[in-house]
Amino acid sequence: MNDGLIARLERFFQLSPSSSGLILPPDPAEHDYRPDQQIDGRDMRRAGVLIPVIQAGGGGESHIMLTLRTKHLRSHAGQVSLPGGSAEPQDADIIRAALREAEEETCLPSHAVQVIGTLPALIMPSAFHVTPVVGLVKAEVQLQACPVEVAEIFYVPTAFLLNPKNYRVASMEFQNRERRFMETHFDGYRIWGATAAILHHLAKQIHALEDHD
């Protein structure tokens, strides 16, 4: 089954290696965000995150690597996240930014990632314009969490995260209003917010491709 998932991922990005537009989260208040605007007085910052699909040899199960952010960080402390961060002047493009940040956070060498494409960007209420980059990684690559930013590295089966039925819309009070967001739970980990919105979007695209087949 997972070999089929990897094949569908590759086929999807062969058809559309660099998706345009925006990922729309479930909160209607966030649908009007635009890349050239400010949010609550903050200028938009570009960022890249990596969706590392860890391939398994010998007919095993592939996984997607996620991180648990340390609790002392200024933003999104203690939350589950895809590796990544803000683009820097030395980055040639947003893909390089995602790969650089992933290497800094998890010791994943950039040369060990086979980038197969990018998804539409997601604009966050924190004024980050985030481009998800999808890459395939061999199972034998050794990873290690950078303790400054990452408390833990863990892995979720690709089949679970790329199944749209495993996500739901949840809500919470945020800045004096009810904010809606995507959420899923796996093995005690709560995956929500931007990370869940990105993975849910990819799951829907792969599921639609499967239905078309």
N, C-alpha and C. Protein backbone atom coordinates (compact mmCIF):
# COMPACT_ATOMS: atom_id res chain seq x y z
N MET A 1 0.83 -1.21 0.00
CA MET A 1 0.00 0.00 0.00
C MET A 1 0.86 1.25 0.00
N ASN A 2 1.93 1.25 0.82
CA ASN A 2 2.74 2.45 0.94
C ASN A 2 3.57 2.71 -0.31
N ASP A 3 4.01 1.62 -1.00
CA ASP A 3 4.68 1.83 -2.27
C ASP A 3 3.74 2.58 -3.21
N GLY A 4 2.44 2.25 -3.14
CA GLY A 4 1.46 2.95 -3.95
C GLY A 4 1.33 4.40 -3.56
N LEU A 5 1.41 4.70 -2.27
CA LEU A 5 1.34 6.08 -1.81
C LEU A 5 2.52 6.89 -2.33
N ILE A 6 3.71 6.33 -2.24
CA ILE A 6 4.89 7.03 -2.75
C ILE A 6 4.74 7.26 -4.25
N ALA A 7 4.26 6.25 -4.95
CA ALA A 7 4.07 6.39 -6.40
C ALA A 7 3.07 7.49 -6.71
N ARG A 8 1.99 7.57 -5.93
CA ARG A 8 0.99 8.62 -6.17
C ARG A 8 1.55 10.00 -5.85
N LEU A 9 2.36 10.08 -4.78
CA LEU A 9 3.03 11.35 -4.48
C LEU A 9 3.89 11.80 -5.65
N GLU A 10 4.69 10.87 -6.15
CA GLU A 10 5.58 11.21 -7.27
C GLU A 10 4.78 11.60 -8.50
N ARG A 11 3.71 10.86 -8.75
CA ARG A 11 2.88 11.16 -9.93
C ARG A 11 2.21 12.53 -9.79
N PHE A 12 1.70 12.82 -8.58
CA PHE A 12 1.04 14.11 -8.35
C PHE A 12 1.99 15.26 -8.64
N PHE A 13 3.22 15.18 -8.16
CA PHE A 13 4.15 16.28 -8.36
C PHE A 13 4.77 16.29 -9.75
N GLN A 14 4.74 15.16 -10.43
CA GLN A 14 5.12 15.18 -11.84
C GLN A 14 4.12 15.99 -12.65
N LEU A 15 2.84 15.89 -12.27
CA LEU A 15 1.79 16.63 -12.95
C LEU A 15 1.81 18.11 -12.56
N SER A 16 2.17 18.38 -11.31
CA SER A 16 2.15 19.76 -10.81
C SER A 16 3.27 19.95 -9.80
N PRO A 17 4.52 20.11 -10.26
CA PRO A 17 5.65 20.15 -9.34
C PRO A 17 5.70 21.39 -8.44
N SER A 18 5.08 22.48 -8.90
CA SER A 18 5.10 23.72 -8.13
C SER A 18 3.71 24.33 -8.13
N SER A 19 2.93 23.99 -7.12
CA SER A 19 1.54 24.42 -7.07
C SER A 19 1.44 25.90 -6.74
N SER A 20 0.51 26.58 -7.37
CA SER A 20 0.27 28.00 -7.10
C SER A 20 -0.95 28.15 -6.20
N GLY A 21 -1.28 29.38 -5.87
CA GLY A 21 -2.43 29.64 -5.03
C GLY A 21 -2.10 29.53 -3.56
N LEU A 22 -3.14 29.38 -2.75
CA LEU A 22 -2.97 29.32 -1.30
C LEU A 22 -3.77 28.15 -0.74
N ILE A 23 -3.28 27.57 0.35
CA ILE A 23 -4.04 26.62 1.13
C ILE A 23 -5.01 27.41 1.99
N LEU A 24 -6.28 27.07 1.92
CA LEU A 24 -7.28 27.77 2.72
C LEU A 24 -7.59 26.96 3.97
N PRO A 25 -7.25 27.46 5.15
CA PRO A 25 -7.59 26.76 6.38
C PRO A 25 -9.09 26.84 6.63
N PRO A 26 -9.61 26.10 7.62
CA PRO A 26 -11.07 26.05 7.81
C PRO A 26 -11.68 27.31 8.41
N ASP A 27 -10.85 28.24 8.91
CA ASP A 27 -11.38 29.46 9.51
C ASP A 27 -11.62 30.51 8.42
N PRO A 28 -12.87 30.90 8.16
CA PRO A 28 -13.14 31.87 7.09
C PRO A 28 -12.43 33.20 7.28
N ALA A 29 -12.13 33.57 8.52
CA ALA A 29 -11.45 34.84 8.78
C ALA A 29 -10.05 34.87 8.21
N GLU A 30 -9.49 33.70 7.90
CA GLU A 30 -8.13 33.62 7.38
C GLU A 30 -8.11 33.49 5.86
N HIS A 31 -9.27 33.48 5.22
CA HIS A 31 -9.32 33.31 3.78
C HIS A 31 -8.97 34.57 3.02
N ASP A 32 -9.00 35.73 3.68
CA ASP A 32 -8.73 37.00 3.01
C ASP A 32 -7.26 37.41 3.10
N TYR A 33 -6.44 36.61 3.78
CA TYR A 33 -5.01 36.95 3.88
C TYR A 33 -4.37 36.94 2.50
N ARG A 34 -3.48 37.90 2.26
CA ARG A 34 -2.78 37.99 0.99
C ARG A 34 -1.28 38.15 1.24
N PRO A 35 -0.45 37.65 0.33
CA PRO A 35 1.01 37.68 0.56
C PRO A 35 1.59 39.08 0.70
N ASP A 36 0.93 40.09 0.13
CA ASP A 36 1.51 41.43 0.15
C ASP A 36 0.92 42.33 1.23
N GLN A 37 0.18 41.77 2.18
CA GLN A 37 -0.45 42.59 3.21
C GLN A 37 0.23 42.41 4.56
N GLN A 38 -0.11 43.29 5.49
CA GLN A 38 0.29 43.13 6.88
C GLN A 38 -0.84 42.41 7.63
N ILE A 39 -0.47 41.72 8.70
CA ILE A 39 -1.45 41.10 9.59
C ILE A 39 -1.20 41.63 10.99
N ASP A 40 -2.18 42.32 11.53
CA ASP A 40 -2.05 42.94 12.86
C ASP A 40 -0.79 43.79 12.96
N GLY A 41 -0.52 44.55 11.87
CA GLY A 41 0.62 45.46 11.87
C GLY A 41 1.97 44.81 11.61
N ARG A 42 1.98 43.51 11.33
CA ARG A 42 3.25 42.81 11.08
C ARG A 42 3.42 42.55 9.59
N ASP A 43 4.60 42.86 9.07
CA ASP A 43 4.89 42.57 7.67
C ASP A 43 4.97 41.06 7.46
N MET A 44 4.57 40.64 6.27
CA MET A 44 4.60 39.22 5.94
C MET A 44 6.05 38.74 5.81
N ARG A 45 6.33 37.55 6.36
CA ARG A 45 7.65 36.93 6.24
C ARG A 45 7.50 35.59 5.53
N ARG A 46 8.41 35.33 4.60
CA ARG A 46 8.38 34.07 3.86
C ARG A 46 9.10 32.98 4.65
N ALA A 47 8.54 31.80 4.60
CA ALA A 47 9.12 30.66 5.30
C ALA A 47 8.89 29.41 4.47
N GLY A 48 9.71 28.40 4.72
CA GLY A 48 9.56 27.11 4.06
C GLY A 48 9.57 26.00 5.09
N VAL A 49 8.71 25.01 4.91
CA VAL A 49 8.73 23.82 5.76
C VAL A 49 8.89 22.60 4.88
N LEU A 50 9.51 21.58 5.43
CA LEU A 50 9.74 20.34 4.69
C LEU A 50 8.80 19.26 5.18
N ILE A 51 8.16 18.56 4.25
CA ILE A 51 7.41 17.35 4.56
C ILE A 51 8.32 16.18 4.20
N PRO A 52 9.08 15.64 5.16
CA PRO A 52 10.04 14.57 4.85
C PRO A 52 9.36 13.21 4.88
N VAL A 53 9.22 12.60 3.72
CA VAL A 53 8.62 11.27 3.62
C VAL A 53 9.75 10.24 3.69
N ILE A 54 9.82 9.52 4.79
CA ILE A 54 10.89 8.56 5.01
C ILE A 54 10.51 7.24 4.36
N GLN A 55 11.21 6.91 3.30
CA GLN A 55 10.90 5.68 2.57
C GLN A 55 11.41 4.47 3.34
N ALA A 56 10.69 3.38 3.22
CA ALA A 56 11.08 2.14 3.89
C ALA A 56 11.50 1.11 2.86
N GLY A 57 12.57 0.42 3.15
CA GLY A 57 13.02 -0.63 2.24
C GLY A 57 12.35 -1.96 2.57
N GLY A 58 12.43 -2.87 1.65
CA GLY A 58 11.94 -4.22 1.89
C GLY A 58 10.44 -4.33 2.05
N GLY A 59 9.70 -3.44 1.41
CA GLY A 59 8.24 -3.53 1.48
C GLY A 59 7.64 -3.06 2.78
N GLY A 60 8.43 -2.34 3.60
CA GLY A 60 7.92 -1.83 4.87
C GLY A 60 7.03 -0.62 4.69
N GLU A 61 6.74 0.04 5.80
CA GLU A 61 5.81 1.16 5.82
C GLU A 61 6.58 2.49 5.81
N SER A 62 6.21 3.38 4.92
CA SER A 62 6.84 4.70 4.91
C SER A 62 6.21 5.58 5.98
N HIS A 63 6.97 6.59 6.41
CA HIS A 63 6.53 7.50 7.47
C HIS A 63 6.83 8.94 7.09
N ILE A 64 6.13 9.85 7.73
CA ILE A 64 6.45 11.28 7.63
C ILE A 64 7.05 11.72 8.95
N MET A 65 8.18 12.38 8.88
CA MET A 65 8.87 12.83 10.09
C MET A 65 8.32 14.17 10.56
N LEU A 66 8.01 14.25 11.84
CA LEU A 66 7.53 15.48 12.46
C LEU A 66 8.40 15.80 13.68
N THR A 67 8.32 17.04 14.14
CA THR A 67 9.08 17.43 15.32
C THR A 67 8.16 18.00 16.39
N LEU A 68 8.59 17.88 17.62
CA LEU A 68 7.92 18.52 18.74
C LEU A 68 8.81 19.66 19.19
N ARG A 69 8.30 20.88 19.08
CA ARG A 69 9.10 22.06 19.39
C ARG A 69 9.33 22.18 20.90
N THR A 70 10.48 22.72 21.27
CA THR A 70 10.78 22.90 22.68
C THR A 70 9.84 23.93 23.30
N LYS A 71 9.68 23.86 24.62
CA LYS A 71 8.67 24.68 25.29
C LYS A 71 9.11 26.12 25.55
N HIS A 72 10.37 26.44 25.30
CA HIS A 72 10.83 27.80 25.60
C HIS A 72 10.86 28.71 24.37
N LEU A 73 10.47 28.20 23.20
CA LEU A 73 10.50 29.03 22.01
C LEU A 73 9.45 30.13 22.07
N ARG A 74 9.71 31.24 21.37
CA ARG A 74 8.80 32.39 21.41
C ARG A 74 7.49 32.12 20.69
N SER A 75 7.52 31.30 19.63
CA SER A 75 6.31 31.03 18.87
C SER A 75 6.08 29.54 18.75
N HIS A 76 4.82 29.13 18.88
CA HIS A 76 4.40 27.74 18.70
C HIS A 76 5.17 26.78 19.61
N ALA A 77 5.50 27.25 20.82
CA ALA A 77 6.26 26.42 21.75
C ALA A 77 5.48 25.17 22.13
N GLY A 78 6.19 24.04 22.17
CA GLY A 78 5.58 22.78 22.59
C GLY A 78 4.63 22.16 21.59
N GLN A 79 4.55 22.70 20.38
CA GLN A 79 3.63 22.18 19.38
C GLN A 79 4.32 21.23 18.41
N VAL A 80 3.53 20.37 17.80
CA VAL A 80 4.04 19.52 16.73
C VAL A 80 4.21 20.37 15.48
N SER A 81 5.32 20.15 14.78
CA SER A 81 5.64 21.00 13.64
C SER A 81 6.35 20.20 12.56
N LEU A 82 6.24 20.68 11.33
CA LEU A 82 7.13 20.23 10.26
C LEU A 82 8.43 20.99 10.39
N PRO A 83 9.57 20.37 10.10
CA PRO A 83 10.83 21.12 10.18
C PRO A 83 10.85 22.24 9.15
N GLY A 84 11.37 23.39 9.56
CA GLY A 84 11.41 24.52 8.64
C GLY A 84 11.48 25.84 9.39
N GLY A 85 11.44 26.93 8.64
CA GLY A 85 11.52 28.24 9.27
C GLY A 85 11.65 29.35 8.25
N SER A 86 12.01 30.52 8.73
CA SER A 86 12.06 31.72 7.90
C SER A 86 13.16 31.64 6.85
N ALA A 87 12.86 32.22 5.69
CA ALA A 87 13.88 32.35 4.65
C ALA A 87 14.90 33.39 5.07
N GLU A 88 16.16 33.14 4.74
CA GLU A 88 17.26 34.06 5.04
C GLU A 88 17.87 34.56 3.74
N PRO A 89 18.57 35.70 3.79
CA PRO A 89 19.15 36.26 2.55
C PRO A 89 20.05 35.30 1.79
N GLN A 90 20.71 34.38 2.49
CA GLN A 90 21.63 33.47 1.81
C GLN A 90 20.91 32.34 1.08
N ASP A 91 19.61 32.16 1.31
CA ASP A 91 18.87 31.08 0.67
C ASP A 91 18.58 31.43 -0.79
N ALA A 92 18.92 30.51 -1.69
CA ALA A 92 18.70 30.76 -3.12
C ALA A 92 17.21 30.83 -3.44
N ASP A 93 16.40 30.05 -2.74
CA ASP A 93 14.95 30.06 -2.95
C ASP A 93 14.30 29.44 -1.72
N ILE A 94 12.98 29.33 -1.75
CA ILE A 94 12.26 28.85 -0.57
C ILE A 94 12.51 27.37 -0.33
N ILE A 95 12.83 26.62 -1.36
CA ILE A 95 13.17 25.21 -1.17
C ILE A 95 14.46 25.09 -0.38
N ARG A 96 15.45 25.91 -0.75
CA ARG A 96 16.71 25.89 0.00
C ARG A 96 16.50 26.30 1.45
N ALA A 97 15.59 27.24 1.68
CA ALA A 97 15.30 27.68 3.05
C ALA A 97 14.74 26.52 3.87
N ALA A 98 13.79 25.77 3.28
CA ALA A 98 13.20 24.63 3.99
C ALA A 98 14.25 23.56 4.28
N LEU A 99 15.11 23.28 3.31
CA LEU A 99 16.14 22.25 3.49
C LEU A 99 17.17 22.69 4.54
N ARG A 100 17.57 23.96 4.49
CA ARG A 100 18.53 24.47 5.48
C ARG A 100 17.98 24.37 6.89
N GLU A 101 16.74 24.82 7.06
CA GLU A 101 16.12 24.78 8.38
C GLU A 101 15.95 23.35 8.87
N ALA A 102 15.56 22.45 7.97
CA ALA A 102 15.39 21.05 8.37
C ALA A 102 16.72 20.45 8.82
N GLU A 103 17.80 20.83 8.14
CA GLU A 103 19.12 20.32 8.54
C GLU A 103 19.52 20.89 9.89
N GLU A 104 19.25 22.16 10.12
CA GLU A 104 19.59 22.78 11.41
C GLU A 104 18.81 22.15 12.55
N GLU A 105 17.55 21.80 12.29
CA GLU A 105 16.69 21.30 13.37
C GLU A 105 16.83 19.81 13.61
N THR A 106 17.12 19.03 12.57
CA THR A 106 17.08 17.57 12.69
C THR A 106 18.32 16.87 12.15
N CYS A 107 19.33 17.63 11.71
CA CYS A 107 20.55 17.06 11.12
C CYS A 107 20.26 16.25 9.85
N LEU A 108 19.17 16.56 9.17
CA LEU A 108 18.85 15.91 7.90
C LEU A 108 19.64 16.59 6.79
N PRO A 109 20.64 15.91 6.21
CA PRO A 109 21.46 16.56 5.18
C PRO A 109 20.63 16.93 3.97
N SER A 110 20.84 18.13 3.45
CA SER A 110 20.07 18.57 2.29
C SER A 110 20.23 17.63 1.11
N HIS A 111 21.46 17.10 0.95
CA HIS A 111 21.71 16.22 -0.20
C HIS A 111 20.99 14.88 -0.08
N ALA A 112 20.47 14.58 1.12
CA ALA A 112 19.77 13.31 1.32
C ALA A 112 18.28 13.41 1.02
N VAL A 113 17.83 14.61 0.65
CA VAL A 113 16.41 14.83 0.37
C VAL A 113 16.19 14.93 -1.13
N GLN A 114 15.33 14.09 -1.66
CA GLN A 114 14.93 14.17 -3.07
C GLN A 114 13.64 14.99 -3.13
N VAL A 115 13.80 16.28 -3.44
CA VAL A 115 12.64 17.17 -3.49
C VAL A 115 11.80 16.81 -4.71
N ILE A 116 10.50 16.56 -4.48
CA ILE A 116 9.64 16.18 -5.60
C ILE A 116 8.62 17.28 -5.94
N GLY A 117 8.50 18.30 -5.08
CA GLY A 117 7.59 19.38 -5.43
C GLY A 117 7.23 20.24 -4.24
N THR A 118 6.43 21.27 -4.51
CA THR A 118 5.95 22.16 -3.46
C THR A 118 4.42 22.25 -3.54
N LEU A 119 3.84 22.59 -2.40
CA LEU A 119 2.40 22.79 -2.30
C LEU A 119 2.10 24.30 -2.34
N PRO A 120 0.82 24.66 -2.52
CA PRO A 120 0.46 26.07 -2.36
C PRO A 120 0.87 26.57 -0.98
N ALA A 121 1.12 27.86 -0.87
CA ALA A 121 1.53 28.43 0.42
C ALA A 121 0.34 28.54 1.37
N LEU A 122 0.67 28.61 2.65
CA LEU A 122 -0.31 28.83 3.71
C LEU A 122 0.08 30.12 4.42
N ILE A 123 -0.86 31.06 4.54
CA ILE A 123 -0.59 32.29 5.27
C ILE A 123 -1.15 32.14 6.68
N MET A 124 -0.28 32.31 7.67
CA MET A 124 -0.65 32.09 9.06
C MET A 124 -1.03 33.42 9.73
N PRO A 125 -1.84 33.39 10.78
CA PRO A 125 -2.18 34.61 11.50
C PRO A 125 -0.96 35.32 12.09
N SER A 126 0.14 34.59 12.24
CA SER A 126 1.38 35.18 12.75
C SER A 126 2.16 35.91 11.66
N ALA A 127 1.55 36.06 10.46
CA ALA A 127 2.12 36.80 9.33
C ALA A 127 3.29 36.07 8.69
N PHE A 128 3.24 34.74 8.68
CA PHE A 128 4.21 33.95 7.93
C PHE A 128 3.54 33.39 6.68
N HIS A 129 4.23 33.53 5.56
CA HIS A 129 3.79 33.00 4.27
C HIS A 129 4.60 31.73 4.05
N VAL A 130 4.00 30.58 4.34
CA VAL A 130 4.73 29.31 4.46
C VAL A 130 4.52 28.45 3.22
N THR A 131 5.62 28.07 2.58
CA THR A 131 5.57 27.17 1.43
C THR A 131 6.00 25.77 1.86
N PRO A 132 5.13 24.76 1.73
CA PRO A 132 5.53 23.39 2.06
C PRO A 132 6.29 22.74 0.90
N VAL A 133 7.40 22.10 1.24
CA VAL A 133 8.24 21.40 0.27
C VAL A 133 8.18 19.91 0.60
N VAL A 134 7.89 19.08 -0.39
CA VAL A 134 7.77 17.64 -0.16
C VAL A 134 9.03 16.96 -0.66
N GLY A 135 9.63 16.13 0.19
CA GLY A 135 10.86 15.44 -0.18
C GLY A 135 10.88 14.00 0.28
N LEU A 136 11.51 13.14 -0.51
CA LEU A 136 11.67 11.73 -0.16
C LEU A 136 13.04 11.53 0.48
N VAL A 137 13.08 10.73 1.54
CA VAL A 137 14.31 10.50 2.30
C VAL A 137 14.48 8.99 2.50
N LYS A 138 15.69 8.50 2.28
CA LYS A 138 15.96 7.08 2.50
C LYS A 138 15.92 6.75 3.99
N ALA A 139 15.49 5.54 4.29
CA ALA A 139 15.29 5.14 5.69
C ALA A 139 16.58 5.15 6.49
N GLU A 140 17.71 4.94 5.83
CA GLU A 140 18.97 4.80 6.59
C GLU A 140 19.56 6.12 7.05
N VAL A 141 19.00 7.24 6.64
CA VAL A 141 19.53 8.54 7.05
C VAL A 141 19.35 8.71 8.56
N GLN A 142 20.44 9.09 9.24
CA GLN A 142 20.42 9.27 10.68
C GLN A 142 20.01 10.70 11.04
N LEU A 143 19.01 10.84 11.91
CA LEU A 143 18.52 12.16 12.31
C LEU A 143 18.75 12.38 13.80
N GLN A 144 18.91 13.65 14.17
CA GLN A 144 19.12 14.00 15.57
C GLN A 144 18.52 15.37 15.83
N ALA A 145 17.75 15.49 16.89
CA ALA A 145 17.09 16.75 17.21
C ALA A 145 18.08 17.78 17.72
N CYS A 146 17.96 19.01 17.22
CA CYS A 146 18.71 20.14 17.77
C CYS A 146 17.99 20.57 19.05
N PRO A 147 18.62 20.42 20.21
CA PRO A 147 17.89 20.63 21.48
C PRO A 147 17.44 22.07 21.71
N VAL A 148 18.01 23.02 20.98
CA VAL A 148 17.58 24.41 21.14
C VAL A 148 16.16 24.61 20.64
N GLU A 149 15.81 23.93 19.53
CA GLU A 149 14.51 24.13 18.91
C GLU A 149 13.60 22.92 18.96
N VAL A 150 14.18 21.73 18.99
CA VAL A 150 13.38 20.51 18.84
C VAL A 150 13.55 19.62 20.07
N ALA A 151 12.41 19.35 20.73
CA ALA A 151 12.45 18.48 21.90
C ALA A 151 12.46 17.01 21.51
N GLU A 152 11.85 16.71 20.35
CA GLU A 152 11.71 15.31 19.95
C GLU A 152 11.44 15.21 18.46
N ILE A 153 11.98 14.17 17.85
CA ILE A 153 11.64 13.80 16.47
C ILE A 153 10.80 12.53 16.54
N PHE A 154 9.68 12.50 15.81
CA PHE A 154 8.89 11.28 15.78
C PHE A 154 8.34 11.06 14.37
N TYR A 155 7.76 9.89 14.16
CA TYR A 155 7.36 9.47 12.82
C TYR A 155 5.92 8.97 12.83
N VAL A 156 5.17 9.37 11.83
CA VAL A 156 3.77 8.95 11.68
C VAL A 156 3.64 8.25 10.34
N PRO A 157 2.96 7.11 10.28
CA PRO A 157 2.81 6.42 9.00
C PRO A 157 2.22 7.34 7.93
N THR A 158 2.82 7.30 6.75
CA THR A 158 2.33 8.11 5.63
C THR A 158 0.87 7.79 5.34
N ALA A 159 0.50 6.51 5.46
CA ALA A 159 -0.88 6.11 5.19
C ALA A 159 -1.86 6.80 6.12
N PHE A 160 -1.43 7.08 7.35
CA PHE A 160 -2.31 7.77 8.30
C PHE A 160 -2.44 9.25 7.95
N LEU A 161 -1.31 9.92 7.74
CA LEU A 161 -1.34 11.37 7.50
C LEU A 161 -1.89 11.72 6.13
N LEU A 162 -1.84 10.80 5.17
CA LEU A 162 -2.39 11.09 3.85
C LEU A 162 -3.79 10.52 3.66
N ASN A 163 -4.48 10.29 4.77
CA ASN A 163 -5.88 9.89 4.73
C ASN A 163 -6.72 11.05 5.25
N PRO A 164 -7.47 11.74 4.38
CA PRO A 164 -8.24 12.91 4.82
C PRO A 164 -9.23 12.59 5.94
N LYS A 165 -9.68 11.34 6.03
CA LYS A 165 -10.67 10.97 7.05
C LYS A 165 -10.11 11.05 8.46
N ASN A 166 -8.79 11.12 8.59
CA ASN A 166 -8.18 11.17 9.93
C ASN A 166 -8.11 12.58 10.51
N TYR A 167 -8.63 13.57 9.79
CA TYR A 167 -8.60 14.96 10.25
C TYR A 167 -10.00 15.44 10.59
N ARG A 168 -10.07 16.41 11.48
CA ARG A 168 -11.34 17.04 11.81
C ARG A 168 -11.13 18.53 12.02
N VAL A 169 -12.22 19.28 11.95
CA VAL A 169 -12.17 20.71 12.25
C VAL A 169 -12.47 20.90 13.73
N ALA A 170 -11.56 21.57 14.43
CA ALA A 170 -11.74 21.88 15.85
C ALA A 170 -11.77 23.40 16.02
N SER A 171 -12.00 23.86 17.24
CA SER A 171 -12.05 25.30 17.48
C SER A 171 -11.54 25.63 18.87
N MET A 172 -11.12 26.88 19.05
CA MET A 172 -10.65 27.35 20.35
C MET A 172 -10.80 28.87 20.39
N GLU A 173 -10.79 29.42 21.58
CA GLU A 173 -10.85 30.87 21.76
C GLU A 173 -9.46 31.44 21.48
N PHE A 174 -9.38 32.41 20.57
CA PHE A 174 -8.09 33.01 20.20
C PHE A 174 -8.33 34.48 19.87
N GLN A 175 -7.66 35.37 20.62
CA GLN A 175 -7.79 36.81 20.42
C GLN A 175 -9.26 37.23 20.43
N ASN A 176 -9.96 36.78 21.44
CA ASN A 176 -11.35 37.16 21.70
C ASN A 176 -12.33 36.71 20.62
N ARG A 177 -11.99 35.66 19.90
CA ARG A 177 -12.94 35.10 18.95
C ARG A 177 -12.70 33.59 18.86
N GLU A 178 -13.68 32.90 18.31
CA GLU A 178 -13.54 31.45 18.13
C GLU A 178 -12.82 31.19 16.82
N ARG A 179 -11.66 30.56 16.90
CA ARG A 179 -10.87 30.25 15.72
C ARG A 179 -11.01 28.78 15.38
N ARG A 180 -11.22 28.46 14.10
CA ARG A 180 -11.36 27.09 13.63
C ARG A 180 -10.04 26.64 13.00
N PHE A 181 -9.71 25.36 13.15
CA PHE A 181 -8.45 24.85 12.63
C PHE A 181 -8.56 23.35 12.42
N MET A 182 -7.64 22.80 11.61
CA MET A 182 -7.58 21.36 11.39
C MET A 182 -6.83 20.69 12.53
N GLU A 183 -7.18 19.43 12.77
CA GLU A 183 -6.56 18.71 13.88
C GLU A 183 -6.62 17.20 13.62
N THR A 184 -5.58 16.49 14.07
CA THR A 184 -5.60 15.03 14.11
C THR A 184 -4.77 14.59 15.30
N HIS A 185 -4.98 13.37 15.74
CA HIS A 185 -4.24 12.82 16.89
C HIS A 185 -3.64 11.48 16.47
N PHE A 186 -2.39 11.27 16.90
CA PHE A 186 -1.74 9.99 16.62
C PHE A 186 -0.81 9.63 17.76
N ASP A 187 -1.06 8.48 18.38
CA ASP A 187 -0.15 7.93 19.39
C ASP A 187 0.19 8.95 20.48
N GLY A 188 -0.81 9.70 20.92
CA GLY A 188 -0.60 10.67 21.99
C GLY A 188 -0.16 12.05 21.53
N TYR A 189 0.14 12.22 20.26
CA TYR A 189 0.56 13.51 19.72
C TYR A 189 -0.65 14.24 19.13
N ARG A 190 -0.76 15.50 19.44
CA ARG A 190 -1.79 16.35 18.85
C ARG A 190 -1.17 17.15 17.72
N ILE A 191 -1.64 16.92 16.51
CA ILE A 191 -1.13 17.59 15.32
C ILE A 191 -2.23 18.55 14.86
N TRP A 192 -1.96 19.85 14.93
CA TRP A 192 -3.03 20.80 14.67
C TRP A 192 -2.48 22.08 14.05
N GLY A 193 -3.39 23.00 13.75
CA GLY A 193 -2.99 24.29 13.21
C GLY A 193 -2.41 24.20 11.82
N ALA A 194 -1.34 24.96 11.59
CA ALA A 194 -0.73 25.03 10.26
C ALA A 194 -0.23 23.68 9.79
N THR A 195 0.39 22.90 10.69
CA THR A 195 0.92 21.59 10.31
C THR A 195 -0.20 20.68 9.81
N ALA A 196 -1.31 20.63 10.55
CA ALA A 196 -2.43 19.80 10.14
C ALA A 196 -3.07 20.31 8.86
N ALA A 197 -3.16 21.65 8.70
CA ALA A 197 -3.76 22.22 7.49
C ALA A 197 -2.96 21.83 6.25
N ILE A 198 -1.63 21.87 6.37
CA ILE A 198 -0.76 21.52 5.24
C ILE A 198 -0.89 20.04 4.91
N LEU A 199 -0.81 19.19 5.92
CA LEU A 199 -0.88 17.75 5.69
C LEU A 199 -2.26 17.33 5.19
N HIS A 200 -3.30 17.97 5.71
CA HIS A 200 -4.65 17.66 5.25
C HIS A 200 -4.82 18.05 3.78
N HIS A 201 -4.24 19.19 3.39
CA HIS A 201 -4.31 19.61 1.99
C HIS A 201 -3.64 18.57 1.09
N LEU A 202 -2.45 18.12 1.48
CA LEU A 202 -1.75 17.12 0.68
C LEU A 202 -2.55 15.82 0.63
N ALA A 203 -3.13 15.43 1.77
CA ALA A 203 -3.94 14.21 1.82
C ALA A 203 -5.10 14.29 0.84
N LYS A 204 -5.77 15.44 0.79
CA LYS A 204 -6.90 15.60 -0.14
C LYS A 204 -6.45 15.49 -1.59
N GLN A 205 -5.29 16.06 -1.91
CA GLN A 205 -4.80 16.00 -3.29
C GLN A 205 -4.48 14.56 -3.69
N ILE A 206 -3.82 13.82 -2.81
CA ILE A 206 -3.45 12.43 -3.11
C ILE A 206 -4.70 11.56 -3.16
N HIS A 207 -5.66 11.83 -2.27
CA HIS A 207 -6.91 11.07 -2.28
C HIS A 207 -7.69 11.31 -3.57
N ALA A 208 -7.70 12.56 -4.04
CA ALA A 208 -8.39 12.88 -5.28
C ALA A 208 -7.74 12.18 -6.47
N LEU A 209 -6.41 12.09 -6.44
CA LEU A 209 -5.69 11.39 -7.50
C LEU A 209 -6.04 9.90 -7.50
N GLU A 210 -6.15 9.34 -6.31
CA GLU A 210 -6.52 7.93 -6.17
C GLU A 210 -7.93 7.69 -6.71
N ASP A 211 -8.86 8.61 -6.39
CA ASP A 211 -10.21 8.47 -6.88
C ASP A 211 -10.26 8.56 -8.41
N HIS A 212 -9.40 9.43 -8.97
CA HIS A 212 -9.37 9.60 -10.43
C HIS A 212 -8.89 8.32 -11.11
N ASP A 213 -7.91 7.66 -10.44
CA ASP A 213 -7.41 6.41 -10.99
C ASP A 213 -8.49 5.32 -10.98
